Amino acid sequence: MPDPRRQLGNWGEERVAEFLRRQGYVIIERNWRCAAGELDIIAWEGEWLAFIEVRTRRGRSYGTPEESITPAKQAKLIELARLYMQEHPKLECDWRIDVVAVELQRGSLPRVNLIRSAVMG
């Protein structure tokens, strides 16, 4: 039986990938994994390499998707981005961490909020 939380996350990542393409991002990798964790989406936006964290929520009973990016999560994202760059030494470029928050709201389209450079490393 599929995990509803994982299904929601996968659904959100699919919507966000489509959204980012429309915004001009060129996705180069999805769900990059290493021993330390996972990066949801890695994409170029112009000359910037963006590591994109997708947060999808149904309602606000646990806060907004944006609020789920705790200081610990921020530190983990920075660590993962640095590990990715170490693993890809030919990528000599500026990079940043973006967050895309997706919030499902009854009876209306999902709210999608792109925050560029949301996490500073």
C-alpha atoms as a PDB file:
ATOM      1  CA  MET A   1       0.000   0.000   0.000  1.00  0.00           C
ATOM      2  CA  PRO A   2       1.516   3.340  -1.053  1.00  0.00           C
ATOM      3  CA  ASP A   3       2.528   5.872   1.586  1.00  0.00           C
ATOM      4  CA  PRO A   4       0.131   8.892   1.297  1.00  0.00           C
ATOM      5  CA  ARG A   5       2.843  11.304   2.433  1.00  0.00           C
ATOM      6  CA  ARG A   6       5.250  10.054  -0.235  1.00  0.00           C
ATOM      7  CA  GLN A   7       2.493  10.179  -2.848  1.00  0.00           C
ATOM      8  CA  LEU A   8       1.799  13.817  -1.951  1.00  0.00           C
ATOM      9  CA  GLY A   9       5.506  14.635  -2.140  1.00  0.00           C
ATOM     10  CA  ASN A  10       5.865  12.955  -5.531  1.00  0.00           C
ATOM     11  CA  TRP A  11       2.781  14.756  -6.813  1.00  0.00           C
ATOM     12  CA  GLY A  12       4.216  18.090  -5.630  1.00  0.00           C
ATOM     13  CA  GLU A  13       7.602  17.425  -7.229  1.00  0.00           C
ATOM     14  CA  GLU A  14       5.953  16.652 -10.577  1.00  0.00           C
ATOM     15  CA  ARG A  15       3.962  19.901 -10.480  1.00  0.00           C
ATOM     16  CA  VAL A  16       7.037  21.879  -9.431  1.00  0.00           C
ATOM     17  CA  ALA A  17       9.168  20.398 -12.240  1.00  0.00           C
ATOM     18  CA  GLU A  18       6.555  21.569 -14.758  1.00  0.00           C
ATOM     19  CA  PHE A  19       6.330  24.977 -13.046  1.00  0.00           C
ATOM     20  CA  LEU A  20      10.126  25.437 -13.085  1.00  0.00           C
ATOM     21  CA  ARG A  21      10.362  24.584 -16.783  1.00  0.00           C
ATOM     22  CA  ARG A  22       7.775  27.286 -17.503  1.00  0.00           C
ATOM     23  CA  GLN A  23       9.905  29.700 -15.429  1.00  0.00           C
ATOM     24  CA  GLY A  24      12.936  28.986 -17.635  1.00  0.00           C
ATOM     25  CA  TYR A  25      14.779  26.486 -15.453  1.00  0.00           C
ATOM     26  CA  VAL A  26      16.539  23.597 -17.215  1.00  0.00           C
ATOM     27  CA  ILE A  27      16.297  20.533 -15.008  1.00  0.00           C
ATOM     28  CA  ILE A  28      19.407  18.368 -15.086  1.00  0.00           C
ATOM     29  CA  GLU A  29      18.692  15.969 -12.242  1.00  0.00           C
ATOM     30  CA  ARG A  30      15.878  14.875  -9.943  1.00  0.00           C
ATOM     31  CA  ASN A  31      16.049  13.061  -6.627  1.00  0.00           C
ATOM     32  CA  TRP A  32      19.853  13.050  -6.418  1.00  0.00           C
ATOM     33  CA  ARG A  33      20.846  10.843  -3.504  1.00  0.00           C
ATOM     34  CA  CYS A  34      23.971  10.292  -1.478  1.00  0.00           C
ATOM     35  CA  ALA A  35      24.661   8.830   1.952  1.00  0.00           C
ATOM     36  CA  ALA A  36      23.795  12.176   3.591  1.00  0.00           C
ATOM     37  CA  GLY A  37      20.370  12.612   1.985  1.00  0.00           C
ATOM     38  CA  GLU A  38      18.546  13.747  -1.136  1.00  0.00           C
ATOM     39  CA  LEU A  39      18.191  16.855  -3.276  1.00  0.00           C
ATOM     40  CA  ASP A  40      14.779  17.073  -4.955  1.00  0.00           C
ATOM     41  CA  ILE A  41      15.629  18.964  -8.149  1.00  0.00           C
ATOM     42  CA  ILE A  42      18.861  20.327  -9.599  1.00  0.00           C
ATOM     43  CA  ALA A  43      18.505  22.796 -12.451  1.00  0.00           C
ATOM     44  CA  TRP A  44      20.130  25.627 -14.323  1.00  0.00           C
ATOM     45  CA  GLU A  45      18.546  29.054 -14.276  1.00  0.00           C
ATOM     46  CA  GLY A  46      20.732  31.108 -16.536  1.00  0.00           C
ATOM     47  CA  GLU A  47      24.292  30.778 -15.242  1.00  0.00           C
ATOM     48  CA  TRP A  48      23.168  29.719 -11.751  1.00  0.00           C
ATOM     49  CA  LEU A  49      22.965  26.126 -10.644  1.00  0.00           C
ATOM     50  CA  ALA A  50      19.917  25.859  -8.402  1.00  0.00           C
ATOM     51  CA  PHE A  51      19.325  23.138  -5.844  1.00  0.00           C
ATOM     52  CA  ILE A  52      15.569  23.121  -5.358  1.00  0.00           C
ATOM     53  CA  GLU A  53      13.818  21.835  -2.265  1.00  0.00           C
ATOM     54  CA  VAL A  54      10.128  21.073  -2.826  1.00  0.00           C
ATOM     55  CA  ARG A  55       7.773  21.301   0.165  1.00  0.00           C
ATOM     56  CA  THR A  56       4.169  20.208  -0.361  1.00  0.00           C
ATOM     57  CA  ARG A  57       1.449  20.453   2.278  1.00  0.00           C
ATOM     58  CA  ARG A  58      -2.278  19.861   2.544  1.00  0.00           C
ATOM     59  CA  GLY A  59      -3.498  22.790   4.589  1.00  0.00           C
ATOM     60  CA  ARG A  60      -1.800  24.574   7.455  1.00  0.00           C
ATOM     61  CA  SER A  61      -2.432  22.377  10.477  1.00  0.00           C
ATOM     62  CA  TYR A  62       1.353  21.876  10.710  1.00  0.00           C
ATOM     63  CA  GLY A  63       2.233  25.344   9.378  1.00  0.00           C
ATOM     64  CA  THR A  64       2.978  26.509   5.862  1.00  0.00           C
ATOM     65  CA  PRO A  65       5.348  24.619   3.580  1.00  0.00           C
ATOM     66  CA  GLU A  66       7.796  27.518   3.897  1.00  0.00           C
ATOM     67  CA  GLU A  67       7.816  27.161   7.691  1.00  0.00           C
ATOM     68  CA  SER A  68       8.929  23.548   7.367  1.00  0.00           C
ATOM     69  CA  ILE A  69      12.399  24.689   6.271  1.00  0.00           C
ATOM     70  CA  THR A  70      13.878  24.648   9.754  1.00  0.00           C
ATOM     71  CA  PRO A  71      17.451  25.713  10.555  1.00  0.00           C
ATOM     72  CA  ALA A  72      18.379  22.007  10.687  1.00  0.00           C
ATOM     73  CA  LYS A  73      16.844  21.444   7.241  1.00  0.00           C
ATOM     74  CA  GLN A  74      18.687  24.495   5.904  1.00  0.00           C
ATOM     75  CA  ALA A  75      21.990  23.134   7.216  1.00  0.00           C
ATOM     76  CA  LYS A  76      21.249  19.747   5.612  1.00  0.00           C
ATOM     77  CA  LEU A  77      20.472  21.370   2.243  1.00  0.00           C
ATOM     78  CA  ILE A  78      23.734  23.335   2.344  1.00  0.00           C
ATOM     79  CA  GLU A  79      25.648  20.154   3.189  1.00  0.00           C
ATOM     80  CA  LEU A  80      23.992  18.263   0.314  1.00  0.00           C
ATOM     81  CA  ALA A  81      24.656  21.070  -2.178  1.00  0.00           C
ATOM     82  CA  ARG A  82      28.335  21.131  -1.191  1.00  0.00           C
ATOM     83  CA  LEU A  83      28.555  17.357  -1.519  1.00  0.00           C
ATOM     84  CA  TYR A  84      26.999  17.554  -4.983  1.00  0.00           C
ATOM     85  CA  MET A  85      29.524  20.194  -6.028  1.00  0.00           C
ATOM     86  CA  GLN A  86      32.397  18.065  -4.667  1.00  0.00           C
ATOM     87  CA  GLU A  87      31.095  15.095  -6.624  1.00  0.00           C
ATOM     88  CA  HIS A  88      30.921  17.228  -9.794  1.00  0.00           C
ATOM     89  CA  PRO A  89      34.240  19.159  -9.742  1.00  0.00           C
ATOM     90  CA  LYS A  90      33.924  20.229 -13.397  1.00  0.00           C
ATOM     91  CA  LEU A  91      30.935  22.393 -12.425  1.00  0.00           C
ATOM     92  CA  GLU A  92      32.693  25.633 -11.628  1.00  0.00           C
ATOM     93  CA  CYS A  93      29.712  27.915 -11.212  1.00  0.00           C
ATOM     94  CA  ASP A  94      27.717  29.940  -8.758  1.00  0.00           C
ATOM     95  CA  TRP A  95      25.002  27.989  -7.021  1.00  0.00           C
ATOM     96  CA  ARG A  96      22.100  28.648  -4.729  1.00  0.00           C
ATOM     97  CA  ILE A  97      19.329  26.844  -2.914  1.00  0.00           C
ATOM     98  CA  ASP A  98      15.755  27.638  -3.898  1.00  0.00           C
ATOM     99  CA  VAL A  99      12.597  26.469  -2.191  1.00  0.00           C
ATOM    100  CA  VAL A 100       9.289  25.870  -3.906  1.00  0.00           C
ATOM    101  CA  ALA A 101       6.339  25.662  -1.539  1.00  0.00           C
ATOM    102  CA  VAL A 102       3.166  23.969  -2.754  1.00  0.00           C
ATOM    103  CA  GLU A 103       0.038  24.237  -0.653  1.00  0.00           C
ATOM    104  CA  LEU A 104      -3.151  22.428  -1.546  1.00  0.00           C
ATOM    105  CA  GLN A 105      -6.284  24.435  -0.849  1.00  0.00           C
ATOM    106  CA  ARG A 106      -9.793  23.026  -1.048  1.00  0.00           C
ATOM    107  CA  GLY A 107     -11.749  24.092  -4.081  1.00  0.00           C
ATOM    108  CA  SER A 108      -8.926  26.046  -5.726  1.00  0.00           C
ATOM    109  CA  LEU A 109      -5.653  25.574  -7.519  1.00  0.00           C
ATOM    110  CA  PRO A 110      -2.610  24.832  -5.392  1.00  0.00           C
ATOM    111  CA  ARG A 111      -0.601  27.795  -4.149  1.00  0.00           C
ATOM    112  CA  VAL A 112       2.940  27.637  -5.558  1.00  0.00           C
ATOM    113  CA  ASN A 113       5.608  29.953  -4.147  1.00  0.00           C
ATOM    114  CA  LEU A 114       9.127  30.011  -5.600  1.00  0.00           C
ATOM    115  CA  ILE A 115      11.727  31.497  -3.280  1.00  0.00           C
ATOM    116  CA  ARG A 116      15.077  31.995  -4.985  1.00  0.00           C
ATOM    117  CA  SER A 117      18.146  31.878  -2.739  1.00  0.00           C
ATOM    118  CA  ALA A 118      15.926  30.820   0.153  1.00  0.00           C
ATOM    119  CA  VAL A 119      18.786  29.134   1.979  1.00  0.00           C
ATOM    120  CA  MET A 120      22.109  30.911   2.250  1.00  0.00           C
ATOM    121  CA  GLY A 121      25.248  28.821   2.531  1.00  0.00           C
END
